[in-house]
Amino acid sequence: MKFSSKILEELVDSLSALPSIGKKTALRLALHIIQHGEDKSEPIIQSLSNLTNLKTCKQCHNFSDHELCHICTDPVRRKSTLCVVESVVDVMAIEDTDQFNGVFHVLGGVINPLEGIGPDELNIDSLIERTASDEIEEVIMAISPTIEGETTIYYLSKQLGPNNVKISQIARGVSFGGELEYADALTLGRSIHSRTPYNISSE
């Protein structure tokens, strides 16, 4: 793809570096932004600039504008039910179902030795500290049913055992391709409602 402008080429290169954005799509986006002038470009520039103020919730590790996210500070949320997920995207997927009114804990991934990701690379210590509180009664493992996901659930269950909290997992047998973000809201909502106790004795 040949460009008459280095500025345009750099914009296309930047956009095409985003997931699922190829060069042609990046070019269409770039031309759309340019052709609509500051009405399109200024809000985008401002939003990107504001990312420097983005924080990570010190309690659940979700993205936030403040030290604590709006979910953790919401007085209506059921603080006794804690849903453990891999990523912030999973929080959004579950929130879209309108079927869960508890709070979350974002691990930041799953245990995957082949990729060098062990327990120390995840937000596990803070999870153990949270569940040591009498406030947490149930921990729901909403983690993808991959080998790495199942390994992570097993490890977490062993670590949380001494805290005497109820541990459950979202219903299996539902199809979401191993990734919660690809589940439709109805299916994901049902899998949360149909969660089952996690039996750690089957080691």
Protein backbone atom coordinates (compact mmCIF):
# COMPACT_ATOMS: atom_id res chain seq x y z
CA MET A 1 0.00 0.00 0.00
CA LYS A 2 1.62 3.22 -1.21
CA PHE A 3 0.95 6.57 0.48
CA SER A 4 1.43 10.10 -0.75
CA SER A 5 1.56 11.34 2.85
CA LYS A 6 3.84 10.11 5.63
CA ILE A 7 1.35 11.44 8.20
CA LEU A 8 -1.47 9.37 6.70
CA GLU A 9 0.78 6.31 6.52
CA GLU A 10 1.67 6.63 10.21
CA LEU A 11 -2.01 6.94 11.16
CA VAL A 12 -2.89 3.82 9.15
CA ASP A 13 0.02 1.92 10.71
CA SER A 14 -1.13 2.90 14.20
CA LEU A 15 -4.74 1.88 13.56
CA SER A 16 -3.76 -1.41 11.91
CA ALA A 17 -1.79 -2.34 15.03
CA LEU A 18 -5.12 -2.73 16.84
CA PRO A 19 -6.67 -6.23 17.10
CA SER A 20 -8.79 -7.32 14.10
CA ILE A 21 -7.92 -4.14 12.15
CA GLY A 22 -6.23 -4.82 8.81
CA LYS A 23 -4.54 -2.24 6.59
CA LYS A 24 -7.60 -1.67 4.40
CA THR A 25 -9.92 -1.19 7.37
CA ALA A 26 -7.34 1.09 8.99
CA LEU A 27 -7.20 3.17 5.80
CA ARG A 28 -11.00 3.52 5.68
CA LEU A 29 -11.04 4.62 9.32
CA ALA A 30 -8.20 7.08 8.75
CA LEU A 31 -9.89 8.62 5.70
CA HIS A 32 -13.19 8.87 7.56
CA ILE A 33 -11.52 10.73 10.42
CA ILE A 34 -9.67 13.06 8.03
CA GLN A 35 -12.68 13.80 5.83
CA HIS A 36 -14.82 14.77 8.83
CA GLY A 37 -12.17 17.08 10.24
CA GLU A 38 -11.94 18.09 13.88
CA ASP A 39 -15.51 16.93 14.63
CA LYS A 40 -14.21 13.35 14.42
CA SER A 41 -10.54 13.70 15.29
CA GLU A 42 -10.70 15.90 18.39
CA PRO A 43 -12.89 13.56 20.53
CA ILE A 44 -10.62 10.63 19.60
CA ILE A 45 -7.47 12.58 20.46
CA GLN A 46 -9.01 13.71 23.76
CA SER A 47 -10.10 10.18 24.66
CA LEU A 48 -6.64 8.79 23.97
CA SER A 49 -5.09 11.60 26.01
CA ASN A 50 -7.40 10.78 28.93
CA LEU A 51 -6.01 7.25 29.09
CA THR A 52 -3.15 8.64 31.19
CA ASN A 53 -5.74 9.12 33.96
CA LEU A 54 -7.09 5.57 33.75
CA LYS A 55 -6.58 3.66 36.99
CA THR A 56 -6.87 0.06 38.15
CA CYS A 57 -9.26 -0.50 41.03
CA LYS A 58 -7.11 -1.30 44.06
CA GLN A 59 -9.70 -3.81 45.29
CA CYS A 60 -10.91 -5.78 42.27
CA HIS A 61 -8.35 -4.76 39.57
CA ASN A 62 -11.04 -3.58 37.15
CA PHE A 63 -10.40 -0.40 35.18
CA SER A 64 -11.58 2.70 36.99
CA ASP A 65 -11.52 6.49 37.02
CA HIS A 66 -10.82 6.43 40.76
CA GLU A 67 -9.00 4.28 43.32
CA LEU A 68 -12.10 2.10 43.65
CA CYS A 69 -14.33 1.29 40.66
CA HIS A 70 -18.05 2.07 40.58
CA ILE A 71 -18.94 -1.61 41.11
CA CYS A 72 -16.94 -1.91 44.32
CA THR A 73 -18.41 1.32 45.71
CA ASP A 74 -22.01 0.66 44.65
CA PRO A 75 -24.01 0.23 47.90
CA VAL A 76 -26.64 -1.84 46.08
CA ARG A 77 -24.19 -4.57 45.02
CA ARG A 78 -24.20 -7.82 47.01
CA LYS A 79 -20.71 -7.72 48.53
CA SER A 80 -21.02 -11.27 49.89
CA THR A 81 -20.87 -12.80 46.38
CA LEU A 82 -17.57 -12.50 44.56
CA CYS A 83 -17.18 -13.45 40.89
CA VAL A 84 -13.64 -14.31 39.77
CA VAL A 85 -12.84 -13.62 36.11
CA GLU A 86 -9.77 -13.61 33.89
CA SER A 87 -10.01 -10.11 32.45
CA VAL A 88 -11.81 -6.79 32.44
CA VAL A 89 -13.57 -7.85 29.22
CA ASP A 90 -15.19 -10.70 31.17
CA VAL A 91 -16.51 -8.22 33.73
CA MET A 92 -18.16 -6.29 30.90
CA ALA A 93 -19.64 -9.47 29.40
CA ILE A 94 -21.19 -10.51 32.72
CA GLU A 95 -22.43 -7.00 33.46
CA ASP A 96 -24.21 -6.97 30.08
CA THR A 97 -26.32 -9.94 31.18
CA ASP A 98 -27.95 -7.94 34.03
CA GLN A 99 -28.07 -11.27 35.90
CA PHE A 100 -25.32 -10.70 38.47
CA ASN A 101 -25.46 -8.21 41.31
CA GLY A 102 -22.34 -9.19 43.24
CA VAL A 103 -18.80 -7.89 42.96
CA PHE A 104 -15.80 -9.00 40.89
CA HIS A 105 -12.16 -9.91 41.13
CA VAL A 106 -10.03 -9.71 37.96
CA LEU A 107 -7.15 -12.20 37.94
CA GLY A 108 -5.38 -10.69 34.94
CA GLY A 109 -5.13 -14.04 33.15
CA VAL A 110 -4.89 -17.74 33.97
CA ILE A 111 -2.07 -19.99 35.08
CA ASN A 112 -0.16 -21.05 31.97
CA PRO A 113 3.35 -22.47 32.59
CA LEU A 114 4.05 -22.75 28.85
CA GLU A 115 3.75 -18.97 28.57
CA GLY A 116 5.57 -18.33 31.82
CA ILE A 117 2.44 -17.28 33.71
CA GLY A 118 2.41 -18.62 37.24
CA PRO A 119 0.35 -17.70 40.32
CA ASP A 120 2.73 -14.88 41.18
CA GLU A 121 1.92 -13.11 37.90
CA LEU A 122 -1.82 -13.04 38.70
CA ASN A 123 -3.92 -11.12 41.24
CA ILE A 124 -4.26 -14.11 43.54
CA ASP A 125 -2.80 -12.80 46.81
CA SER A 126 -5.32 -9.97 46.88
CA LEU A 127 -8.13 -12.48 46.18
CA ILE A 128 -7.09 -14.56 49.18
CA GLU A 129 -7.01 -11.45 51.35
CA ARG A 130 -10.50 -10.43 50.21
CA THR A 131 -12.01 -13.83 50.90
CA ALA A 132 -10.42 -13.94 54.35
CA SER A 133 -12.96 -11.29 55.30
CA ASP A 134 -16.24 -12.45 56.82
CA GLU A 135 -18.02 -10.32 54.19
CA ILE A 136 -17.38 -12.84 51.36
CA GLU A 137 -19.66 -15.89 51.52
CA GLU A 138 -19.45 -17.28 47.96
CA VAL A 139 -16.78 -17.19 45.27
CA ILE A 140 -18.00 -17.91 41.73
CA MET A 141 -15.33 -19.09 39.30
CA ALA A 142 -16.33 -17.56 35.96
CA ILE A 143 -13.25 -18.75 34.12
CA SER A 144 -13.13 -20.23 30.62
CA PRO A 145 -13.24 -24.06 30.56
CA THR A 146 -9.84 -24.51 28.96
CA ILE A 147 -7.07 -26.67 30.42
CA GLU A 148 -5.41 -23.53 31.78
CA GLY A 149 -8.72 -22.28 33.13
CA GLU A 150 -9.48 -25.54 34.93
CA THR A 151 -5.95 -25.59 36.37
CA THR A 152 -6.46 -22.06 37.67
CA ILE A 153 -9.82 -22.92 39.25
CA TYR A 154 -8.29 -25.94 40.98
CA TYR A 155 -5.35 -23.92 42.29
CA LEU A 156 -7.57 -21.09 43.53
CA SER A 157 -9.92 -23.53 45.26
CA LYS A 158 -7.01 -25.09 47.12
CA GLN A 159 -5.75 -21.66 48.19
CA LEU A 160 -9.19 -20.44 49.28
CA GLY A 161 -10.06 -23.61 51.19
CA PRO A 162 -8.83 -22.35 54.59
CA ASN A 163 -11.06 -19.27 54.29
CA ASN A 164 -14.22 -21.40 54.50
CA VAL A 165 -16.05 -19.73 51.63
CA LYS A 166 -18.49 -21.48 49.32
CA ILE A 167 -16.84 -22.07 45.93
CA SER A 168 -18.90 -22.57 42.79
CA GLN A 169 -18.33 -22.41 39.05
CA ILE A 170 -20.53 -21.29 36.19
CA ALA A 171 -22.46 -24.08 34.50
CA ARG A 172 -20.53 -26.21 32.01
CA GLY A 173 -22.08 -27.53 28.85
CA VAL A 174 -22.88 -24.03 27.65
CA SER A 175 -21.19 -23.05 24.42
CA PHE A 176 -19.09 -19.93 24.48
CA GLY A 177 -16.00 -21.04 22.62
CA GLY A 178 -13.83 -20.99 25.71
CA GLU A 179 -14.06 -17.22 26.00
CA LEU A 180 -16.68 -15.44 28.10
CA GLU A 181 -16.54 -12.33 25.94
CA TYR A 182 -17.99 -14.29 22.99
CA ALA A 183 -20.97 -15.61 24.91
CA ASP A 184 -24.35 -14.12 24.22
CA ALA A 185 -25.89 -12.41 27.24
CA LEU A 186 -28.73 -14.93 27.64
CA THR A 187 -26.43 -17.97 27.62
CA LEU A 188 -23.91 -16.39 29.94
CA GLY A 189 -26.65 -15.21 32.31
CA ARG A 190 -28.10 -18.71 32.50
CA SER A 191 -24.67 -20.22 33.15
CA ILE A 192 -24.24 -17.91 36.16
CA HIS A 193 -27.68 -18.72 37.55
CA SER A 194 -27.08 -22.44 36.99
CA ARG A 195 -23.69 -22.41 38.70
CA THR A 196 -22.71 -25.57 40.56
CA PRO A 197 -20.61 -26.20 43.69
CA TYR A 198 -16.96 -26.86 42.87
CA ASN A 199 -15.83 -30.24 44.18
CA ILE A 200 -12.14 -30.03 44.89
CA SER A 201 -12.01 -33.63 46.13
CA SER A 202 -11.90 -34.92 42.54
CA GLU A 203 -8.11 -34.50 42.32
